[in-house]
Amino acid sequence: MGHDGGMIHANITTSLDGFVAGPNWAPGRGLGDGGERLHYWVFGGPWTYEKPSFEGERHPVDVEVLGEFHGAGAGIVGRGMFDAAGRWGGENPFHSPVFVLTNRITDDLPTAFTYVSDAGEALERARETAGDRDIAIGGGADVIRQYLRMGVVDRLSVHIAPVVLGGGTALFDGTFQADLDLVDCRHSPLATHLTYDIRG
């Protein structure tokens, strides 16, 4: 969208009814009630908050999609996703630097990540880091919506889990409109992976 460097690509998983997390979010339950089902495709099957280390045999399509995440030169995630993931145990699990967008920057945060309070600054620093490689924008929904409203996102991938949550945190809240071009559609039993280019 008129910028130098690689593509800015937002990725998020939703339920069929458009929620990225179930209701009643709480510490240790970052995806809310029933939200674990959204990410069965990531782990290869059912997992729970009580047994988060479950890892089954992933479908080849899901493996392929997950592998594409690792091609980015930098990533940006929100504090909600960061905390919901247990701060990834203090270790960056990705293959590139990750910028965490947060207004709560304290000395006890893991040093494997970079913390930035302004979305524009986070993007500029990610661009400097990524060079000609893509920038991956992760959750939560509020972070993705913010960058969509800024008009900087080139590509949006929505991974739709075959579940209806009935409530929770919605991906879209009526503050963004766009025309999209479908550029990729793949599916497994646990997710339909849709990728759109956003018309500039």
N, C-alpha and C. Protein backbone atom coordinates (compact mmCIF):
# COMPACT_ATOMS: atom_id res chain seq x y z
N MET A 1 0.82 -1.20 0.00
CA MET A 1 0.00 0.00 0.00
C MET A 1 0.86 1.26 0.00
N GLY A 2 1.72 1.32 -0.96
CA GLY A 2 2.50 2.51 -1.11
C GLY A 2 3.64 2.66 -0.13
N HIS A 3 4.18 1.55 0.38
CA HIS A 3 5.29 1.63 1.32
C HIS A 3 6.45 0.81 0.80
N ASP A 4 7.63 1.12 1.31
CA ASP A 4 8.82 0.37 0.93
C ASP A 4 8.89 -0.92 1.75
N GLY A 5 9.68 -1.88 1.26
CA GLY A 5 9.88 -3.12 2.00
C GLY A 5 8.90 -4.18 1.61
N GLY A 6 8.79 -5.20 2.47
CA GLY A 6 7.91 -6.33 2.20
C GLY A 6 6.46 -6.03 2.48
N MET A 7 5.65 -7.06 2.37
CA MET A 7 4.22 -6.95 2.58
C MET A 7 3.88 -6.93 4.08
N ILE A 8 2.84 -6.20 4.43
CA ILE A 8 2.32 -6.22 5.80
C ILE A 8 1.12 -7.15 5.80
N HIS A 9 1.26 -8.25 6.55
CA HIS A 9 0.31 -9.36 6.47
C HIS A 9 -0.27 -9.64 7.86
N ALA A 10 -1.56 -9.43 8.01
CA ALA A 10 -2.25 -9.69 9.27
C ALA A 10 -2.85 -11.08 9.26
N ASN A 11 -2.73 -11.80 10.37
CA ASN A 11 -3.21 -13.18 10.52
C ASN A 11 -4.00 -13.32 11.81
N ILE A 12 -5.15 -13.97 11.74
CA ILE A 12 -5.88 -14.23 12.98
C ILE A 12 -6.85 -15.39 12.75
N THR A 13 -7.16 -16.10 13.83
CA THR A 13 -8.12 -17.20 13.80
C THR A 13 -9.45 -16.74 14.39
N THR A 14 -10.55 -17.12 13.76
CA THR A 14 -11.88 -16.77 14.26
C THR A 14 -12.78 -18.00 14.27
N SER A 15 -13.88 -17.87 14.98
CA SER A 15 -14.96 -18.85 14.89
C SER A 15 -15.77 -18.55 13.63
N LEU A 16 -16.69 -19.43 13.28
CA LEU A 16 -17.53 -19.20 12.12
C LEU A 16 -18.36 -17.94 12.29
N ASP A 17 -18.73 -17.60 13.53
CA ASP A 17 -19.50 -16.39 13.76
C ASP A 17 -18.64 -15.18 14.09
N GLY A 18 -17.34 -15.26 13.78
CA GLY A 18 -16.50 -14.07 13.78
C GLY A 18 -15.84 -13.66 15.07
N PHE A 19 -15.75 -14.57 16.04
CA PHE A 19 -15.12 -14.23 17.32
C PHE A 19 -13.71 -14.81 17.40
N VAL A 20 -12.78 -14.00 17.91
CA VAL A 20 -11.39 -14.44 18.06
C VAL A 20 -11.13 -15.00 19.45
N ALA A 21 -12.08 -14.85 20.34
CA ALA A 21 -12.02 -15.42 21.69
C ALA A 21 -13.44 -15.56 22.20
N GLY A 22 -13.66 -16.52 23.09
CA GLY A 22 -14.96 -16.71 23.69
C GLY A 22 -15.21 -15.72 24.81
N PRO A 23 -16.38 -15.76 25.42
CA PRO A 23 -16.70 -14.86 26.54
C PRO A 23 -15.92 -15.24 27.80
N ASN A 24 -15.92 -14.33 28.75
CA ASN A 24 -15.35 -14.56 30.09
C ASN A 24 -13.85 -14.78 30.04
N TRP A 25 -13.16 -13.90 29.31
CA TRP A 25 -11.70 -13.94 29.30
C TRP A 25 -11.19 -13.73 30.72
N ALA A 26 -10.12 -14.43 31.08
CA ALA A 26 -9.50 -14.29 32.39
C ALA A 26 -8.04 -14.72 32.29
N PRO A 27 -7.19 -14.26 33.18
CA PRO A 27 -5.79 -14.74 33.18
C PRO A 27 -5.75 -16.26 33.24
N GLY A 28 -4.95 -16.85 32.38
CA GLY A 28 -4.89 -18.30 32.29
C GLY A 28 -5.97 -18.88 31.39
N ARG A 29 -6.89 -18.03 30.95
CA ARG A 29 -7.95 -18.44 30.03
C ARG A 29 -8.06 -17.38 28.95
N GLY A 30 -6.93 -17.18 28.25
CA GLY A 30 -6.81 -16.06 27.33
C GLY A 30 -7.72 -16.08 26.13
N LEU A 31 -8.31 -17.24 25.81
CA LEU A 31 -9.25 -17.34 24.70
C LEU A 31 -10.69 -17.45 25.17
N GLY A 32 -10.93 -17.23 26.46
CA GLY A 32 -12.29 -17.25 26.98
C GLY A 32 -12.91 -18.63 27.00
N ASP A 33 -14.20 -18.67 27.34
CA ASP A 33 -14.92 -19.95 27.41
C ASP A 33 -15.03 -20.58 26.03
N GLY A 34 -14.51 -21.78 25.90
CA GLY A 34 -14.61 -22.50 24.63
C GLY A 34 -13.63 -22.05 23.58
N GLY A 35 -12.83 -21.03 23.87
CA GLY A 35 -11.93 -20.49 22.86
C GLY A 35 -10.80 -21.41 22.46
N GLU A 36 -10.51 -22.41 23.29
CA GLU A 36 -9.46 -23.37 22.93
C GLU A 36 -9.74 -24.01 21.57
N ARG A 37 -11.04 -24.20 21.27
CA ARG A 37 -11.42 -24.88 20.03
C ARG A 37 -10.97 -24.12 18.79
N LEU A 38 -10.77 -22.81 18.92
CA LEU A 38 -10.33 -22.02 17.78
C LEU A 38 -8.98 -22.49 17.26
N HIS A 39 -8.12 -22.91 18.16
CA HIS A 39 -6.74 -23.21 17.79
C HIS A 39 -6.42 -24.71 17.78
N TYR A 40 -7.45 -25.54 17.66
CA TYR A 40 -7.18 -26.97 17.50
C TYR A 40 -6.29 -27.20 16.28
N TRP A 41 -6.48 -26.40 15.23
CA TRP A 41 -5.70 -26.60 14.01
C TRP A 41 -4.21 -26.33 14.25
N VAL A 42 -3.90 -25.45 15.18
CA VAL A 42 -2.50 -25.11 15.48
C VAL A 42 -1.82 -26.27 16.21
N PHE A 43 -2.57 -26.91 17.11
CA PHE A 43 -1.99 -27.95 17.97
C PHE A 43 -2.23 -29.37 17.45
N GLY A 44 -3.02 -29.49 16.40
CA GLY A 44 -3.26 -30.81 15.84
C GLY A 44 -4.37 -31.57 16.53
N GLY A 45 -5.23 -30.87 17.26
CA GLY A 45 -6.34 -31.52 17.93
C GLY A 45 -6.70 -30.84 19.23
N PRO A 46 -7.60 -31.46 20.00
CA PRO A 46 -8.10 -30.83 21.23
C PRO A 46 -7.00 -30.56 22.26
N TRP A 47 -7.04 -29.37 22.83
CA TRP A 47 -6.20 -29.03 23.98
C TRP A 47 -7.09 -28.24 24.94
N THR A 48 -6.67 -28.12 26.16
CA THR A 48 -7.45 -27.40 27.16
C THR A 48 -6.51 -26.48 27.94
N TYR A 49 -7.11 -25.57 28.69
CA TYR A 49 -6.31 -24.69 29.54
C TYR A 49 -5.56 -25.51 30.59
N GLU A 50 -6.18 -26.62 30.99
CA GLU A 50 -5.55 -27.47 32.01
C GLU A 50 -4.39 -28.28 31.43
N LYS A 51 -4.45 -28.58 30.11
CA LYS A 51 -3.39 -29.35 29.45
C LYS A 51 -2.95 -28.62 28.18
N PRO A 52 -2.33 -27.44 28.35
CA PRO A 52 -1.96 -26.64 27.18
C PRO A 52 -0.82 -27.19 26.36
N SER A 53 -0.12 -28.19 26.88
CA SER A 53 1.03 -28.73 26.18
C SER A 53 0.66 -29.81 25.17
N PHE A 54 -0.65 -30.10 25.05
CA PHE A 54 -1.08 -31.12 24.08
C PHE A 54 -0.59 -30.77 22.68
N GLU A 55 -0.08 -31.75 21.99
CA GLU A 55 0.31 -31.56 20.60
C GLU A 55 0.07 -32.85 19.85
N GLY A 56 -0.95 -32.83 18.97
CA GLY A 56 -1.28 -34.01 18.19
C GLY A 56 -0.62 -33.96 16.83
N GLU A 57 -1.13 -34.73 15.92
CA GLU A 57 -0.59 -34.76 14.56
C GLU A 57 -1.35 -33.76 13.70
N ARG A 58 -0.67 -32.72 13.30
CA ARG A 58 -1.30 -31.67 12.52
C ARG A 58 -1.58 -32.14 11.09
N HIS A 59 -2.66 -31.61 10.53
CA HIS A 59 -2.98 -31.88 9.13
C HIS A 59 -1.93 -31.21 8.25
N PRO A 60 -1.54 -31.84 7.13
CA PRO A 60 -0.52 -31.24 6.26
C PRO A 60 -0.84 -29.82 5.81
N VAL A 61 -2.10 -29.51 5.57
CA VAL A 61 -2.46 -28.14 5.18
C VAL A 61 -2.16 -27.17 6.31
N ASP A 62 -2.51 -27.55 7.53
CA ASP A 62 -2.25 -26.68 8.67
C ASP A 62 -0.76 -26.50 8.91
N VAL A 63 0.01 -27.57 8.72
CA VAL A 63 1.47 -27.48 8.84
C VAL A 63 2.02 -26.49 7.83
N GLU A 64 1.51 -26.57 6.61
CA GLU A 64 1.96 -25.67 5.55
C GLU A 64 1.66 -24.21 5.90
N VAL A 65 0.46 -23.96 6.37
CA VAL A 65 0.06 -22.59 6.73
C VAL A 65 0.91 -22.07 7.89
N LEU A 66 1.11 -22.89 8.91
CA LEU A 66 1.93 -22.47 10.04
C LEU A 66 3.36 -22.17 9.61
N GLY A 67 3.87 -22.96 8.68
CA GLY A 67 5.23 -22.75 8.22
C GLY A 67 5.42 -21.42 7.52
N GLU A 68 4.36 -20.93 6.90
CA GLU A 68 4.44 -19.65 6.20
C GLU A 68 4.60 -18.47 7.16
N PHE A 69 4.17 -18.64 8.40
CA PHE A 69 4.32 -17.58 9.38
C PHE A 69 5.80 -17.25 9.62
N HIS A 70 6.65 -18.25 9.45
CA HIS A 70 8.05 -18.09 9.82
C HIS A 70 8.88 -17.35 8.78
N GLY A 71 8.24 -16.96 7.68
CA GLY A 71 8.98 -16.24 6.65
C GLY A 71 9.07 -14.75 6.88
N ALA A 72 8.39 -14.23 7.88
CA ALA A 72 8.36 -12.79 8.11
C ALA A 72 9.68 -12.30 8.69
N GLY A 73 9.98 -11.04 8.41
CA GLY A 73 11.19 -10.43 8.94
C GLY A 73 11.00 -9.81 10.30
N ALA A 74 9.74 -9.59 10.70
CA ALA A 74 9.41 -9.05 12.02
C ALA A 74 7.94 -9.27 12.26
N GLY A 75 7.55 -9.26 13.54
CA GLY A 75 6.15 -9.44 13.90
C GLY A 75 5.71 -8.41 14.91
N ILE A 76 4.40 -8.13 14.91
CA ILE A 76 3.80 -7.23 15.90
C ILE A 76 2.59 -7.94 16.50
N VAL A 77 2.53 -8.00 17.81
CA VAL A 77 1.37 -8.57 18.51
C VAL A 77 0.94 -7.61 19.61
N GLY A 78 -0.28 -7.77 20.06
CA GLY A 78 -0.78 -6.97 21.16
C GLY A 78 -0.49 -7.61 22.50
N ARG A 79 -0.67 -6.81 23.55
CA ARG A 79 -0.41 -7.31 24.90
C ARG A 79 -1.38 -8.42 25.27
N GLY A 80 -2.61 -8.34 24.78
CA GLY A 80 -3.57 -9.38 25.09
C GLY A 80 -3.13 -10.74 24.58
N MET A 81 -2.70 -10.78 23.32
CA MET A 81 -2.21 -12.04 22.75
C MET A 81 -0.95 -12.50 23.48
N PHE A 82 -0.09 -11.57 23.79
CA PHE A 82 1.17 -11.86 24.48
C PHE A 82 0.89 -12.52 25.83
N ASP A 83 -0.03 -11.93 26.59
CA ASP A 83 -0.36 -12.49 27.90
C ASP A 83 -1.14 -13.80 27.78
N ALA A 84 -2.05 -13.86 26.79
CA ALA A 84 -2.84 -15.08 26.60
C ALA A 84 -1.95 -16.27 26.27
N ALA A 85 -0.83 -16.00 25.60
CA ALA A 85 0.12 -17.06 25.25
C ALA A 85 1.11 -17.34 26.38
N GLY A 86 0.85 -16.77 27.55
CA GLY A 86 1.76 -16.98 28.67
C GLY A 86 3.12 -16.38 28.44
N ARG A 87 3.12 -15.30 27.61
CA ARG A 87 4.38 -14.62 27.24
C ARG A 87 5.37 -15.58 26.61
N TRP A 88 4.83 -16.69 26.08
CA TRP A 88 5.64 -17.73 25.43
C TRP A 88 6.79 -18.18 26.32
N GLY A 89 6.52 -18.19 27.62
CA GLY A 89 7.53 -18.66 28.57
C GLY A 89 8.78 -17.81 28.60
N GLY A 90 8.66 -16.58 28.11
CA GLY A 90 9.81 -15.68 28.11
C GLY A 90 10.76 -15.87 26.95
N GLU A 91 10.43 -16.82 26.05
CA GLU A 91 11.29 -17.10 24.90
C GLU A 91 10.53 -16.81 23.61
N ASN A 92 11.17 -16.13 22.69
CA ASN A 92 10.57 -15.84 21.39
C ASN A 92 10.50 -17.12 20.57
N PRO A 93 9.26 -17.65 20.28
CA PRO A 93 9.16 -18.91 19.55
C PRO A 93 9.20 -18.73 18.03
N PHE A 94 9.28 -17.49 17.60
CA PHE A 94 9.25 -17.20 16.17
C PHE A 94 10.67 -17.08 15.62
N HIS A 95 10.78 -16.96 14.33
CA HIS A 95 12.09 -16.91 13.69
C HIS A 95 12.48 -15.48 13.34
N SER A 96 11.87 -14.51 14.00
CA SER A 96 12.16 -13.11 13.72
C SER A 96 11.81 -12.28 14.96
N PRO A 97 12.32 -11.06 15.05
CA PRO A 97 12.01 -10.20 16.21
C PRO A 97 10.51 -9.91 16.31
N VAL A 98 10.02 -9.82 17.55
CA VAL A 98 8.61 -9.54 17.80
C VAL A 98 8.48 -8.28 18.65
N PHE A 99 7.63 -7.37 18.17
CA PHE A 99 7.33 -6.14 18.88
C PHE A 99 5.96 -6.29 19.54
N VAL A 100 5.91 -6.06 20.84
CA VAL A 100 4.67 -6.18 21.61
C VAL A 100 4.11 -4.78 21.83
N LEU A 101 2.90 -4.57 21.34
CA LEU A 101 2.25 -3.27 21.47
C LEU A 101 1.51 -3.23 22.81
N THR A 102 1.98 -2.37 23.72
CA THR A 102 1.42 -2.33 25.07
C THR A 102 1.64 -0.97 25.71
N ASN A 103 0.71 -0.58 26.55
CA ASN A 103 0.86 0.64 27.35
C ASN A 103 1.43 0.34 28.73
N ARG A 104 1.68 -0.96 29.00
CA ARG A 104 2.19 -1.36 30.31
C ARG A 104 3.58 -1.96 30.17
N ILE A 105 4.57 -1.08 30.11
CA ILE A 105 5.95 -1.53 29.94
C ILE A 105 6.63 -1.48 31.31
N THR A 106 6.95 -2.65 31.83
CA THR A 106 7.54 -2.75 33.17
C THR A 106 8.85 -3.54 33.10
N ASP A 107 9.63 -3.43 34.15
CA ASP A 107 10.96 -4.04 34.17
C ASP A 107 10.93 -5.56 34.23
N ASP A 108 9.77 -6.14 34.59
CA ASP A 108 9.72 -7.59 34.75
C ASP A 108 9.35 -8.33 33.46
N LEU A 109 9.19 -7.62 32.36
CA LEU A 109 8.80 -8.26 31.10
C LEU A 109 9.98 -9.00 30.49
N PRO A 110 9.73 -10.13 29.81
CA PRO A 110 10.82 -10.89 29.20
C PRO A 110 11.61 -10.05 28.21
N THR A 111 12.92 -10.22 28.23
CA THR A 111 13.79 -9.41 27.39
C THR A 111 13.91 -9.92 25.96
N ALA A 112 13.25 -11.04 25.65
CA ALA A 112 13.33 -11.61 24.30
C ALA A 112 12.44 -10.85 23.32
N PHE A 113 11.67 -9.89 23.82
CA PHE A 113 10.75 -9.14 22.98
C PHE A 113 11.03 -7.65 23.14
N THR A 114 10.54 -6.86 22.17
CA THR A 114 10.65 -5.40 22.24
C THR A 114 9.27 -4.84 22.48
N TYR A 115 9.15 -3.92 23.44
CA TYR A 115 7.85 -3.38 23.85
C TYR A 115 7.73 -1.93 23.38
N VAL A 116 6.60 -1.65 22.73
CA VAL A 116 6.36 -0.34 22.15
C VAL A 116 4.93 0.07 22.48
N SER A 117 4.73 1.34 22.83
CA SER A 117 3.41 1.79 23.26
C SER A 117 2.59 2.43 22.13
N ASP A 118 3.23 2.73 21.01
CA ASP A 118 2.53 3.41 19.91
C ASP A 118 2.53 2.52 18.67
N ALA A 119 1.36 2.37 18.04
CA ALA A 119 1.24 1.47 16.89
C ALA A 119 2.09 1.93 15.72
N GLY A 120 2.12 3.23 15.48
CA GLY A 120 2.93 3.74 14.38
C GLY A 120 4.41 3.50 14.60
N GLU A 121 4.87 3.72 15.83
CA GLU A 121 6.28 3.48 16.14
C GLU A 121 6.62 2.00 16.02
N ALA A 122 5.71 1.14 16.48
CA ALA A 122 5.95 -0.31 16.37
C ALA A 122 6.11 -0.71 14.91
N LEU A 123 5.28 -0.14 14.05
CA LEU A 123 5.36 -0.48 12.63
C LEU A 123 6.66 0.03 12.02
N GLU A 124 7.06 1.25 12.35
CA GLU A 124 8.29 1.78 11.80
C GLU A 124 9.50 0.96 12.25
N ARG A 125 9.51 0.57 13.50
CA ARG A 125 10.63 -0.24 13.99
C ARG A 125 10.62 -1.62 13.37
N ALA A 126 9.42 -2.17 13.16
CA ALA A 126 9.32 -3.47 12.49
C ALA A 126 9.82 -3.36 11.05
N ARG A 127 9.50 -2.26 10.37
CA ARG A 127 9.98 -2.06 9.00
C ARG A 127 11.51 -1.98 8.95
N GLU A 128 12.07 -1.25 9.90
CA GLU A 128 13.53 -1.13 9.95
C GLU A 128 14.18 -2.50 10.15
N THR A 129 13.55 -3.31 10.99
CA THR A 129 14.10 -4.64 11.29
C THR A 129 13.91 -5.60 10.13
N ALA A 130 12.73 -5.56 9.51
CA ALA A 130 12.38 -6.55 8.48
C ALA A 130 13.08 -6.30 7.16
N GLY A 131 13.41 -5.04 6.86
CA GLY A 131 14.02 -4.74 5.56
C GLY A 131 13.06 -5.06 4.43
N ASP A 132 13.48 -5.93 3.52
CA ASP A 132 12.64 -6.30 2.38
C ASP A 132 11.71 -7.48 2.67
N ARG A 133 11.78 -8.02 3.87
CA ARG A 133 10.92 -9.15 4.23
C ARG A 133 9.57 -8.64 4.74
N ASP A 134 8.60 -9.56 4.81
CA ASP A 134 7.25 -9.20 5.25
C ASP A 134 7.21 -8.90 6.75
N ILE A 135 6.18 -8.17 7.14
CA ILE A 135 5.89 -7.93 8.55
C ILE A 135 4.58 -8.65 8.87
N ALA A 136 4.60 -9.46 9.92
CA ALA A 136 3.42 -10.21 10.34
C ALA A 136 2.73 -9.48 11.48
N ILE A 137 1.45 -9.20 11.31
CA ILE A 137 0.64 -8.59 12.37
C ILE A 137 -0.22 -9.69 12.97
N GLY A 138 -0.03 -9.98 14.25
CA GLY A 138 -0.83 -10.99 14.93
C GLY A 138 -1.94 -10.35 15.75
N GLY A 139 -2.57 -11.16 16.57
CA GLY A 139 -3.66 -10.66 17.39
C GLY A 139 -3.18 -9.78 18.52
N GLY A 140 -4.11 -9.30 19.26
CA GLY A 140 -5.52 -9.61 19.14
C GLY A 140 -6.26 -8.79 18.10
N ALA A 141 -7.56 -8.93 18.17
CA ALA A 141 -8.42 -8.27 17.20
C ALA A 141 -8.22 -6.76 17.21
N ASP A 142 -8.03 -6.17 18.39
CA ASP A 142 -7.89 -4.72 18.46
C ASP A 142 -6.65 -4.25 17.72
N VAL A 143 -5.56 -5.01 17.79
CA VAL A 143 -4.33 -4.65 17.09
C VAL A 143 -4.54 -4.72 15.58
N ILE A 144 -5.14 -5.80 15.12
CA ILE A 144 -5.39 -5.94 13.68
C ILE A 144 -6.33 -4.84 13.20
N ARG A 145 -7.39 -4.56 13.94
CA ARG A 145 -8.30 -3.48 13.54
C ARG A 145 -7.58 -2.14 13.46
N GLN A 146 -6.69 -1.89 14.40
CA GLN A 146 -5.97 -0.62 14.42
C GLN A 146 -5.12 -0.45 13.15
N TYR A 147 -4.41 -1.49 12.77
CA TYR A 147 -3.59 -1.38 11.57
C TYR A 147 -4.43 -1.38 10.29
N LEU A 148 -5.55 -2.07 10.30
CA LEU A 148 -6.47 -1.99 9.16
C LEU A 148 -6.98 -0.57 8.99
N ARG A 149 -7.37 0.08 10.09
CA ARG A 149 -7.86 1.46 10.00
C ARG A 149 -6.77 2.42 9.56
N MET A 150 -5.52 2.11 9.89
CA MET A 150 -4.40 2.95 9.46
C MET A 150 -4.14 2.82 7.96
N GLY A 151 -4.71 1.79 7.34
CA GLY A 151 -4.56 1.61 5.90
C GLY A 151 -3.21 1.06 5.47
N VAL A 152 -2.54 0.35 6.36
CA VAL A 152 -1.19 -0.14 6.05
C VAL A 152 -1.14 -1.63 5.76
N VAL A 153 -2.21 -2.35 6.01
CA VAL A 153 -2.21 -3.81 5.83
C VAL A 153 -2.43 -4.14 4.36
N ASP A 154 -1.53 -4.94 3.79
CA ASP A 154 -1.64 -5.37 2.40
C ASP A 154 -2.46 -6.63 2.26
N ARG A 155 -2.31 -7.53 3.22
CA ARG A 155 -2.91 -8.87 3.09
C ARG A 155 -3.47 -9.29 4.44
N LEU A 156 -4.64 -9.91 4.41
CA LEU A 156 -5.32 -10.38 5.61
C LEU A 156 -5.64 -11.86 5.47
N SER A 157 -5.14 -12.66 6.42
CA SER A 157 -5.48 -14.08 6.46
C SER A 157 -6.36 -14.35 7.67
N VAL A 158 -7.51 -14.96 7.41
CA VAL A 158 -8.44 -15.32 8.47
C VAL A 158 -8.58 -16.84 8.46
N HIS A 159 -8.27 -17.44 9.59
CA HIS A 159 -8.32 -18.90 9.73
C HIS A 159 -9.60 -19.23 10.51
N ILE A 160 -10.57 -19.78 9.82
CA ILE A 160 -11.90 -19.98 10.41
C ILE A 160 -12.02 -21.39 10.95
N ALA A 161 -12.18 -21.48 12.27
CA ALA A 161 -12.38 -22.78 12.92
C ALA A 161 -13.84 -23.19 12.80
N PRO A 162 -14.12 -24.48 12.67
CA PRO A 162 -15.50 -24.96 12.51
C PRO A 162 -16.24 -25.00 13.85
N VAL A 163 -16.45 -23.83 14.42
CA VAL A 163 -17.11 -23.73 15.71
C VAL A 163 -17.87 -22.41 15.77
N VAL A 164 -19.01 -22.40 16.42
CA VAL A 164 -19.77 -21.18 16.70
C VAL A 164 -19.68 -20.91 18.19
N LEU A 165 -19.05 -19.80 18.56
CA LEU A 165 -18.86 -19.48 19.98
C LEU A 165 -20.06 -18.76 20.57
N GLY A 166 -20.82 -18.06 19.76
CA GLY A 166 -22.02 -17.40 20.26
C GLY A 166 -21.78 -16.10 20.99
N GLY A 167 -20.54 -15.70 21.17
CA GLY A 167 -20.21 -14.46 21.86
C GLY A 167 -18.73 -14.41 22.17
N GLY A 168 -18.28 -13.26 22.63
CA GLY A 168 -16.87 -13.10 22.96
C GLY A 168 -16.30 -11.84 22.33
N THR A 169 -15.08 -11.92 21.88
CA THR A 169 -14.40 -10.79 21.26
C THR A 169 -14.49 -10.92 19.75
N ALA A 170 -15.14 -9.96 19.09
CA ALA A 170 -15.33 -10.01 17.65
C ALA A 170 -14.11 -9.49 16.91
N LEU A 171 -13.83 -10.07 15.76
CA LEU A 171 -12.73 -9.56 14.94
C LEU A 171 -13.06 -8.17 14.44
N PHE A 172 -14.24 -7.98 13.90
CA PHE A 172 -14.63 -6.68 13.35
C PHE A 172 -15.69 -6.03 14.24
N ASP A 173 -15.59 -4.70 14.35
CA ASP A 173 -16.50 -3.98 15.23
C ASP A 173 -17.23 -2.83 14.54
N GLY A 174 -17.23 -2.84 13.20
CA GLY A 174 -17.93 -1.79 12.46
C GLY A 174 -17.11 -0.55 12.19
N THR A 175 -15.82 -0.57 12.54
CA THR A 175 -14.98 0.62 12.35
C THR A 175 -14.10 0.53 11.12
N PHE A 176 -14.23 -0.54 10.34
CA PHE A 176 -13.38 -0.72 9.16
C PHE A 176 -14.21 -1.28 8.03
N GLN A 177 -14.00 -0.73 6.83
CA GLN A 177 -14.63 -1.23 5.62
C GLN A 177 -13.58 -1.33 4.52
N ALA A 178 -13.69 -2.33 3.67
CA ALA A 178 -12.74 -2.48 2.58
C ALA A 178 -13.28 -3.47 1.56
N ASP A 179 -12.78 -3.36 0.34
CA ASP A 179 -13.00 -4.37 -0.69
C ASP A 179 -11.77 -5.28 -0.71
N LEU A 180 -12.02 -6.58 -0.81
CA LEU A 180 -10.96 -7.57 -0.71
C LEU A 180 -10.93 -8.45 -1.95
N ASP A 181 -9.75 -8.96 -2.27
CA ASP A 181 -9.60 -9.94 -3.33
C ASP A 181 -9.09 -11.25 -2.73
N LEU A 182 -9.85 -12.32 -2.90
CA LEU A 182 -9.42 -13.63 -2.39
C LEU A 182 -8.25 -14.13 -3.22
N VAL A 183 -7.12 -14.41 -2.55
CA VAL A 183 -5.93 -14.88 -3.26
C VAL A 183 -5.55 -16.30 -2.89
N ASP A 184 -6.14 -16.84 -1.82
CA ASP A 184 -5.81 -18.20 -1.43
C ASP A 184 -6.91 -18.77 -0.54
N CYS A 185 -7.22 -20.03 -0.74
CA CYS A 185 -8.20 -20.72 0.09
C CYS A 185 -7.77 -22.17 0.24
N ARG A 186 -7.48 -22.58 1.48
CA ARG A 186 -7.12 -23.95 1.79
C ARG A 186 -7.91 -24.39 3.02
N HIS A 187 -8.06 -25.69 3.18
CA HIS A 187 -8.81 -26.12 4.36
C HIS A 187 -8.32 -27.49 4.84
N SER A 188 -8.56 -27.70 6.11
CA SER A 188 -8.34 -28.99 6.75
C SER A 188 -9.60 -29.27 7.57
N PRO A 189 -9.69 -30.40 8.23
CA PRO A 189 -10.87 -30.63 9.07
C PRO A 189 -11.00 -29.64 10.22
N LEU A 190 -9.93 -28.95 10.57
CA LEU A 190 -9.95 -28.08 11.75
C LEU A 190 -9.93 -26.59 11.43
N ALA A 191 -9.78 -26.22 10.16
CA ALA A 191 -9.77 -24.79 9.82
C ALA A 191 -9.89 -24.60 8.32
N THR A 192 -10.51 -23.49 7.95
CA THR A 192 -10.51 -23.01 6.57
C THR A 192 -9.65 -21.75 6.54
N HIS A 193 -8.61 -21.77 5.73
CA HIS A 193 -7.63 -20.69 5.70
C HIS A 193 -7.89 -19.80 4.48
N LEU A 194 -8.37 -18.60 4.74
CA LEU A 194 -8.70 -17.65 3.68
C LEU A 194 -7.71 -16.49 3.71
N THR A 195 -7.16 -16.15 2.55
CA THR A 195 -6.22 -15.04 2.47
C THR A 195 -6.72 -14.05 1.42
N TYR A 196 -6.76 -12.78 1.81
CA TYR A 196 -7.26 -11.72 0.95
C TYR A 196 -6.21 -10.62 0.80
N ASP A 197 -6.12 -10.08 -0.41
CA ASP A 197 -5.42 -8.82 -0.60
C ASP A 197 -6.42 -7.70 -0.38
N ILE A 198 -5.97 -6.65 0.29
CA ILE A 198 -6.84 -5.50 0.55
C ILE A 198 -6.60 -4.48 -0.56
N ARG A 199 -7.66 -4.12 -1.24
CA ARG A 199 -7.52 -3.17 -2.34
C ARG A 199 -7.13 -1.80 -1.80
N GLY A 200 -6.06 -1.24 -2.38
CA GLY A 200 -5.57 0.06 -1.92
C GLY A 200 -6.22 1.21 -2.66
